[in-house]
Amino acid sequence: MTPSDPAETRPQTATLAEIAREAGVSAPTVSKVLNGRADVAPGTRTRVEELLRAHGYRRRRAEATRSPLIDLVFHELESAWALEVIRGVENVARDAGLSVVLSESAGRLTPGRTWADQVAARRPHGVILVLSGLDESQRALLTSRSVPFVVMDPAGDPGADVPSIGATNWQGGLAATRHLVELGHRRIGAITGPPQMMCSRARIDGYRAALETAGLPVESDLIRTGDFHHDTGYRVGRELLARPDRPTAVFAGNDLQALGLYEAARELGLRIPEDLSVVGFDDLPVARWVGPPLTTVRQPLTEMAEAAARLVLELGRSDTGPAEGPAATRVELATSLVVRSSTGVPPLAGS
C-alpha cells in the first residue's frame, strides 16, 4: 500500500477561520456551532456542522453540562393512557437520578418553536416525544445542543434517522377482529383513531386484513372515524348501533372509545356481550374494572415508555444524536389479545 493509496487518506484538520471562510460565515459563528450554542440560524448551523464533520471536529461532550432532566412531550395530556407512559419514563428516570419534565403541544403533532428554544436552553439528558414529532429546524436545534431525542408511538413517519419505539398495531387490529370472527360474528363494525396517525391506520388495516382473510366483506358503512376519545366513541357508537342492520360486534380502536360505546349500548338497551360484543385496544387499568370487563388488545405502554427512556439515555451517554450516531433504532414491542367478558357469540337472528 503506497502513501497515495486512497485508503490512507484522512481529512485535513482546518482552522476555524478556514472553515468559516468555506461556509461564508464568521469565525465566532463557527465557534458557536461547535460549542452547541442555540443562536445560529438552522441553515447556517447545518452548513457549518457538515464542514466540521468533514474536517474531523467533534462537539465537546455535553454530559457534564446537561440538566438532570428528561423532557416528556405529549400532543395531548388528558387520559389514563398518558399516565401509563409517564409511569414508564419515571421508572427509568428515577433509577438514573433524573426528574421528568412534562409538556403538551395542545393537540399539535409538532411542538411549537418556543418549546424547542426552552428545551435547548435547559439542555436535558434527552427528549421523548409521544405521538409527536419534530420539524427540521427543531431537530437541528436539539442536535446542535447535543440533546438526544426519541419518538414513542410516532404519529407519522419519523424518518429513517430518528430513533423510535412503537407497538405491533397492525397485528393487534388483526388479532382483535379475528377473535370476533372466530366467535361467529359476520357484521363487525369499527371505530378508528385519527386517520393521520400511523398507529390508527395500522390498527384499521389489521381489521380489514382479518375480514378479508375470513372471506368477509369490508363494509365501509360499518367503519366510523374517531379520535381516541370517550365522547367520540359514544357519539359514533350510537350511529352504528341505531342502524336497523347494526353490527353484532365492534372493534373500538382504543379502550376510551370502547367505553364510550358501552355508554351508547346501555342507552339503547343493548346488553354486552349478549347483544353486542366489544373489543378495545391498549388494556388500560380501567378495562379490568368496567362491567363487563373489556376484551382488549394489550399495548405495553409502560414497557414502551421504559424502552424509550433507556434509549434516549443511551444516546446521551454515547454523545451521539440521531444525526451523528449509527443507524437509528426502530423498536416495536408485541401486542397481545386479552379476552375478558365483553365478547361472546353473536345473538340469534330475530332474537
Protein backbone atom coordinates (compact mmCIF):
# COMPACT_ATOMS: atom_id res chain seq x y z
CA MET A 1 0.00 0.00 0.00
CA THR A 2 1.55 3.33 -1.07
CA PRO A 3 1.13 6.70 0.66
CA SER A 4 -1.00 7.79 -2.29
CA ASP A 5 -3.46 4.93 -1.73
CA PRO A 6 -6.97 6.43 -1.12
CA ALA A 7 -7.40 4.14 1.89
CA GLU A 8 -4.57 6.01 3.61
CA THR A 9 -6.09 9.46 3.14
CA ARG A 10 -7.54 11.25 6.16
CA PRO A 11 -9.49 14.52 6.49
CA GLN A 12 -7.17 17.50 6.84
CA THR A 13 -7.68 19.47 10.05
CA ALA A 14 -8.59 23.04 9.13
CA THR A 15 -8.62 26.06 11.39
CA LEU A 16 -11.94 27.52 12.45
CA ALA A 17 -11.12 30.58 10.34
CA GLU A 18 -10.69 28.39 7.25
CA ILE A 19 -13.97 26.61 7.94
CA ALA A 20 -15.64 29.99 8.43
CA ARG A 21 -14.38 31.20 5.03
CA GLU A 22 -15.56 27.99 3.37
CA ALA A 23 -19.01 28.28 4.98
CA GLY A 24 -19.27 32.01 4.27
CA VAL A 25 -19.69 32.95 7.95
CA SER A 26 -17.62 34.47 10.72
CA ALA A 27 -15.24 32.51 12.94
CA PRO A 28 -17.35 33.29 16.06
CA THR A 29 -20.34 31.71 14.30
CA VAL A 30 -18.35 28.51 13.71
CA SER A 31 -17.33 28.53 17.38
CA LYS A 32 -20.98 28.88 18.42
CA VAL A 33 -21.95 25.84 16.35
CA LEU A 34 -19.02 23.80 17.64
CA ASN A 35 -19.96 24.59 21.24
CA GLY A 36 -23.67 23.91 20.84
CA ARG A 37 -24.95 27.49 21.05
CA ALA A 38 -28.60 27.95 20.02
CA ASP A 39 -28.37 31.43 18.44
CA VAL A 40 -27.45 30.27 14.93
CA ALA A 41 -29.86 30.03 12.01
CA PRO A 42 -30.77 26.40 11.16
CA GLY A 43 -29.45 26.59 7.59
CA THR A 44 -26.17 28.11 8.72
CA ARG A 45 -25.82 25.57 11.52
CA THR A 46 -26.36 22.65 9.10
CA ARG A 47 -23.79 24.00 6.63
CA VAL A 48 -21.17 24.59 9.34
CA GLU A 49 -21.75 21.22 11.03
CA GLU A 50 -21.24 19.41 7.71
CA LEU A 51 -17.87 21.14 7.31
CA LEU A 52 -16.90 20.47 10.93
CA ARG A 53 -17.62 16.76 10.47
CA ALA A 54 -15.74 16.70 7.16
CA HIS A 55 -12.67 18.16 8.88
CA GLY A 56 -12.84 15.81 11.86
CA TYR A 57 -14.05 18.22 14.52
CA ARG A 58 -16.12 16.80 17.37
CA ARG A 59 -18.52 18.77 19.50
CA ARG A 60 -17.38 18.83 23.12
CA ARG A 61 -19.01 16.22 25.36
CA ALA A 62 -22.22 17.56 26.80
CA GLU A 63 -22.62 15.08 29.66
CA ALA A 64 -21.28 17.41 32.33
CA THR A 65 -23.39 20.39 31.19
CA ARG A 66 -26.74 18.60 30.97
CA SER A 67 -29.55 19.27 33.43
CA PRO A 68 -30.72 16.23 35.45
CA LEU A 69 -33.95 16.06 33.43
CA ILE A 70 -35.81 14.10 30.78
CA ASP A 71 -38.33 16.11 28.76
CA LEU A 72 -41.52 14.13 28.04
CA VAL A 73 -43.74 15.73 25.39
CA PHE A 74 -47.35 14.71 24.68
CA HIS A 75 -49.55 16.03 21.90
CA GLU A 76 -52.41 15.71 24.43
CA LEU A 77 -52.11 15.11 28.15
CA GLU A 78 -55.53 14.17 29.44
CA SER A 79 -56.11 10.44 29.80
CA ALA A 80 -55.16 7.27 31.63
CA TRP A 81 -53.17 6.37 28.51
CA ALA A 82 -50.74 9.20 29.28
CA LEU A 83 -50.42 8.10 32.91
CA GLU A 84 -49.13 4.68 31.82
CA VAL A 85 -46.48 6.37 29.67
CA ILE A 86 -45.46 8.75 32.46
CA ARG A 87 -45.11 5.79 34.83
CA GLY A 88 -42.69 4.04 32.46
CA VAL A 89 -40.48 7.09 31.92
CA GLU A 90 -40.47 7.84 35.65
CA ASN A 91 -39.31 4.28 36.40
CA VAL A 92 -36.18 4.73 34.30
CA ALA A 93 -35.57 8.36 35.26
CA ARG A 94 -35.77 7.55 38.97
CA ASP A 95 -33.14 4.82 38.67
CA ALA A 96 -30.88 7.25 36.80
CA GLY A 97 -31.32 10.01 39.38
CA LEU A 98 -33.24 12.23 36.94
CA SER A 99 -36.52 14.14 37.04
CA VAL A 100 -39.19 14.26 34.32
CA VAL A 101 -40.50 17.50 32.81
CA LEU A 102 -43.95 17.19 31.20
CA SER A 103 -45.20 19.38 28.39
CA GLU A 104 -48.10 19.30 25.94
CA SER A 105 -48.29 20.55 22.36
CA ALA A 106 -52.06 21.30 22.62
CA GLY A 107 -53.07 18.68 20.07
CA ARG A 108 -50.41 19.65 17.52
CA LEU A 109 -48.28 16.83 16.17
CA THR A 110 -45.20 19.08 16.31
CA PRO A 111 -44.35 21.23 19.37
CA GLY A 112 -44.12 25.00 18.92
CA ARG A 113 -40.85 26.83 18.36
CA THR A 114 -40.94 28.31 21.87
CA TRP A 115 -40.82 24.80 23.30
CA ALA A 116 -37.71 23.91 21.31
CA ASP A 117 -35.92 27.03 22.50
CA GLN A 118 -36.79 26.25 26.13
CA VAL A 119 -35.53 22.68 25.82
CA ALA A 120 -32.30 23.82 24.18
CA ALA A 121 -31.76 26.33 26.98
CA ARG A 122 -32.18 23.84 29.84
CA ARG A 123 -30.30 21.06 27.97
CA PRO A 124 -31.91 17.93 29.45
CA HIS A 125 -30.44 14.45 29.22
CA GLY A 126 -32.93 13.70 26.47
CA VAL A 127 -36.36 14.33 24.96
CA ILE A 128 -39.12 11.75 24.45
CA LEU A 129 -41.95 12.79 22.13
CA VAL A 130 -45.20 10.80 22.34
CA LEU A 131 -47.45 10.76 19.25
CA SER A 132 -45.49 13.81 18.13
CA GLY A 133 -42.51 14.72 16.03
CA LEU A 134 -40.05 17.49 15.25
CA ASP A 135 -39.65 19.71 12.22
CA GLU A 136 -36.24 20.18 10.61
CA SER A 137 -35.35 23.37 12.48
CA GLN A 138 -36.25 21.80 15.85
CA ARG A 139 -34.18 18.73 15.10
CA ALA A 140 -31.24 20.90 14.07
CA LEU A 141 -31.54 22.98 17.24
CA LEU A 142 -31.60 19.97 19.59
CA THR A 143 -28.76 18.28 17.68
CA SER A 144 -26.65 21.43 17.91
CA ARG A 145 -27.09 21.39 21.70
CA SER A 146 -26.28 17.65 21.93
CA VAL A 147 -29.81 16.86 23.19
CA PRO A 148 -30.79 13.34 22.03
CA PHE A 149 -34.44 12.62 21.24
CA VAL A 150 -36.64 9.55 20.71
CA VAL A 151 -40.19 9.34 19.35
CA MET A 152 -42.61 6.95 21.07
CA ASP A 153 -45.59 5.72 19.04
CA PRO A 154 -44.87 8.16 16.19
CA ALA A 155 -47.89 9.86 14.66
CA GLY A 156 -46.32 9.93 11.20
CA ASP A 157 -43.15 8.57 9.63
CA PRO A 158 -40.42 9.92 11.95
CA GLY A 159 -37.74 9.48 9.31
CA ALA A 160 -35.05 6.86 8.86
CA ASP A 161 -32.60 8.72 11.13
CA VAL A 162 -34.92 9.20 14.13
CA PRO A 163 -34.94 6.52 16.87
CA SER A 164 -38.49 5.43 17.71
CA ILE A 165 -40.39 2.99 19.90
CA GLY A 166 -43.76 1.59 18.84
CA ALA A 167 -46.02 -1.44 19.05
CA THR A 168 -47.32 -4.05 16.61
CA ASN A 169 -50.53 -2.14 15.90
CA TRP A 170 -51.39 -3.99 12.69
CA GLN A 171 -51.06 -7.35 14.42
CA GLY A 172 -53.23 -6.07 17.26
CA GLY A 173 -56.02 -4.99 14.92
CA LEU A 174 -55.80 -8.35 13.17
CA ALA A 175 -55.99 -10.31 16.45
CA ALA A 176 -58.96 -8.28 17.75
CA THR A 177 -61.01 -8.77 14.60
CA ARG A 178 -60.01 -12.40 14.13
CA HIS A 179 -61.25 -13.10 17.68
CA LEU A 180 -64.67 -11.71 16.75
CA VAL A 181 -64.75 -13.68 13.50
CA GLU A 182 -63.91 -16.90 15.34
CA LEU A 183 -66.81 -16.28 17.72
CA GLY A 184 -69.12 -16.29 14.71
CA HIS A 185 -69.64 -12.57 14.05
CA ARG A 186 -70.12 -11.57 10.42
CA ARG A 187 -71.13 -7.90 10.74
CA ILE A 188 -68.23 -6.32 12.60
CA GLY A 189 -68.05 -2.57 12.91
CA ALA A 190 -65.00 -0.46 13.70
CA ILE A 191 -64.25 2.92 15.24
CA THR A 192 -60.86 4.15 14.09
CA GLY A 193 -58.47 6.65 15.59
CA PRO A 194 -57.33 9.85 13.85
CA PRO A 195 -56.53 8.97 10.20
CA GLN A 196 -53.27 10.99 10.24
CA MET A 197 -51.77 8.76 12.95
CA MET A 198 -49.72 5.73 11.90
CA CYS A 199 -50.94 3.60 14.81
CA SER A 200 -54.57 4.26 13.90
CA ARG A 201 -54.06 3.38 10.25
CA ALA A 202 -52.19 0.20 11.18
CA ARG A 203 -54.98 -0.99 13.50
CA ILE A 204 -57.73 -0.50 10.94
CA ASP A 205 -55.56 -2.16 8.28
CA GLY A 206 -55.29 -5.18 10.60
CA TYR A 207 -59.10 -5.15 10.96
CA ARG A 208 -59.52 -5.17 7.17
CA ALA A 209 -56.95 -7.94 6.76
CA ALA A 210 -58.77 -10.18 9.26
CA LEU A 211 -62.10 -9.73 7.44
CA GLU A 212 -60.58 -10.32 4.02
CA THR A 213 -58.73 -13.42 5.20
CA ALA A 214 -62.02 -14.80 6.54
CA GLY A 215 -63.76 -14.11 3.22
CA LEU A 216 -65.95 -11.40 4.75
CA PRO A 217 -66.65 -8.07 3.04
CA VAL A 218 -65.16 -4.86 4.39
CA GLU A 219 -68.26 -2.69 4.64
CA SER A 220 -67.27 0.97 4.69
CA ASP A 221 -70.62 1.97 6.23
CA LEU A 222 -69.70 -0.05 9.34
CA ILE A 223 -66.47 1.93 9.86
CA ARG A 224 -66.56 5.25 11.71
CA THR A 225 -63.69 7.71 12.14
CA GLY A 226 -62.85 8.51 15.74
CA ASP A 227 -60.22 10.47 17.65
CA PHE A 228 -59.37 8.07 20.53
CA HIS A 229 -61.66 9.95 22.97
CA HIS A 230 -64.56 8.64 25.06
CA ASP A 231 -67.08 11.19 23.75
CA THR A 232 -66.42 10.23 20.14
CA GLY A 233 -66.81 6.53 20.95
CA TYR A 234 -70.20 7.35 22.43
CA ARG A 235 -71.33 9.56 19.53
CA VAL A 236 -70.30 7.38 16.59
CA GLY A 237 -71.19 4.28 18.61
CA ARG A 238 -74.78 5.48 18.76
CA GLU A 239 -74.71 5.99 14.99
CA LEU A 240 -73.60 2.41 14.43
CA LEU A 241 -75.93 0.83 16.96
CA ALA A 242 -79.00 2.79 15.83
CA ARG A 243 -78.81 1.26 12.36
CA PRO A 244 -81.55 -1.27 11.55
CA ASP A 245 -78.78 -3.61 10.36
CA ARG A 246 -76.45 -2.77 13.23
CA PRO A 247 -73.23 -4.73 13.71
CA THR A 248 -73.19 -7.54 16.26
CA ALA A 249 -69.62 -6.65 17.26
CA VAL A 250 -67.39 -3.57 17.17
CA PHE A 251 -63.61 -3.17 17.29
CA ALA A 252 -63.37 0.19 19.03
CA GLY A 253 -59.76 1.10 18.20
CA ASN A 254 -58.83 2.03 21.77
CA ASP A 255 -60.21 1.49 25.27
CA LEU A 256 -61.57 5.01 25.74
CA GLN A 257 -63.70 4.74 22.61
CA ALA A 258 -64.82 1.28 23.73
CA LEU A 259 -66.05 2.79 27.00
CA GLY A 260 -67.97 5.42 25.06
CA LEU A 261 -69.51 2.60 23.05
CA TYR A 262 -70.51 0.89 26.31
CA GLU A 263 -72.46 4.01 27.26
CA ALA A 264 -74.18 4.17 23.87
CA ALA A 265 -75.19 0.50 24.11
CA ARG A 266 -76.68 0.99 27.59
CA GLU A 267 -78.77 3.93 26.41
CA LEU A 268 -80.11 1.86 23.53
CA GLY A 269 -80.95 -1.07 25.80
CA LEU A 270 -78.30 -3.39 24.36
CA ARG A 271 -76.51 -5.88 26.62
CA ILE A 272 -72.80 -6.62 26.37
CA PRO A 273 -71.93 -9.27 25.25
CA GLU A 274 -75.40 -10.83 24.73
CA ASP A 275 -76.46 -8.26 22.12
CA LEU A 276 -73.14 -6.65 21.25
CA SER A 277 -69.51 -7.75 21.54
CA VAL A 278 -66.87 -5.05 22.06
CA VAL A 279 -63.07 -5.13 21.73
CA GLY A 280 -60.82 -2.22 22.69
CA PHE A 281 -57.10 -1.52 22.34
CA ASP A 282 -54.48 -0.52 24.98
CA ASP A 283 -55.53 -2.56 28.07
CA LEU A 284 -55.69 0.42 30.40
CA PRO A 285 -56.33 -0.47 34.07
CA VAL A 286 -59.97 0.64 33.71
CA ALA A 287 -60.53 -2.17 31.17
CA ARG A 288 -60.49 -4.66 34.06
CA TRP A 289 -62.82 -2.62 36.25
CA VAL A 290 -65.76 -1.84 33.95
CA GLY A 291 -68.79 -4.08 33.78
CA PRO A 292 -68.42 -6.34 31.97
CA PRO A 293 -64.59 -6.35 31.93
CA LEU A 294 -63.37 -5.34 28.48
CA THR A 295 -61.76 -7.67 25.96
CA THR A 296 -58.91 -5.63 24.53
CA VAL A 297 -55.53 -5.69 22.82
CA ARG A 298 -52.76 -5.07 25.31
CA GLN A 299 -50.34 -2.41 24.15
CA PRO A 300 -47.37 -2.49 26.56
CA LEU A 301 -47.42 1.26 27.21
CA THR A 302 -45.30 1.26 30.35
CA GLU A 303 -42.71 -1.03 28.76
CA MET A 304 -42.67 1.12 25.60
CA ALA A 305 -42.06 4.23 27.70
CA GLU A 306 -39.29 2.49 29.64
CA ALA A 307 -37.64 1.42 26.37
CA ALA A 308 -37.85 4.98 25.02
CA ALA A 309 -36.28 6.38 28.21
CA ARG A 310 -33.46 3.84 28.20
CA LEU A 311 -32.76 4.53 24.52
CA VAL A 312 -32.61 8.30 24.91
CA LEU A 313 -30.23 7.95 27.88
CA GLU A 314 -28.06 5.55 25.90
CA LEU A 315 -27.85 8.08 23.07
CA GLY A 316 -26.88 10.73 25.57
CA ARG A 317 -24.15 8.60 27.15
CA SER A 318 -22.61 7.89 23.76
CA ASP A 319 -22.83 11.62 22.98
CA THR A 320 -24.27 10.83 19.57
CA GLY A 321 -27.64 12.11 18.49
CA PRO A 322 -29.65 10.73 15.56
CA ALA A 323 -27.79 12.91 13.07
CA GLU A 324 -24.34 11.73 14.18
CA GLY A 325 -24.66 8.22 15.51
CA PRO A 326 -25.23 4.82 13.95
CA ALA A 327 -28.36 3.86 12.08
CA ALA A 328 -31.44 4.86 14.06
CA THR A 329 -33.23 2.27 16.15
CA ARG A 330 -36.81 1.30 15.37
CA VAL A 331 -38.26 -0.96 18.04
CA GLU A 332 -41.76 -2.47 18.03
CA LEU A 333 -42.99 -4.23 21.16
CA ALA A 334 -45.52 -7.03 20.78
CA THR A 335 -49.24 -6.54 21.38
CA SER A 336 -51.44 -9.36 22.69
CA LEU A 337 -55.17 -10.07 22.87
CA VAL A 338 -56.64 -10.14 26.40
CA VAL A 339 -60.01 -11.91 26.37
CA ARG A 340 -62.46 -10.89 29.08
CA SER A 341 -66.25 -10.76 29.32
CA SER A 342 -67.22 -8.18 26.69
CA THR A 343 -67.13 -10.63 23.78
CA GLY A 344 -69.27 -13.64 23.05
CA VAL A 345 -71.13 -15.42 20.29
CA PRO A 346 -73.49 -13.25 18.21
CA PRO A 347 -77.20 -13.12 19.08
CA LEU A 348 -79.50 -15.45 17.18
CA ALA A 349 -81.19 -13.85 14.19
CA GLY A 350 -84.52 -12.38 15.17
CA SER A 351 -83.81 -12.64 18.92
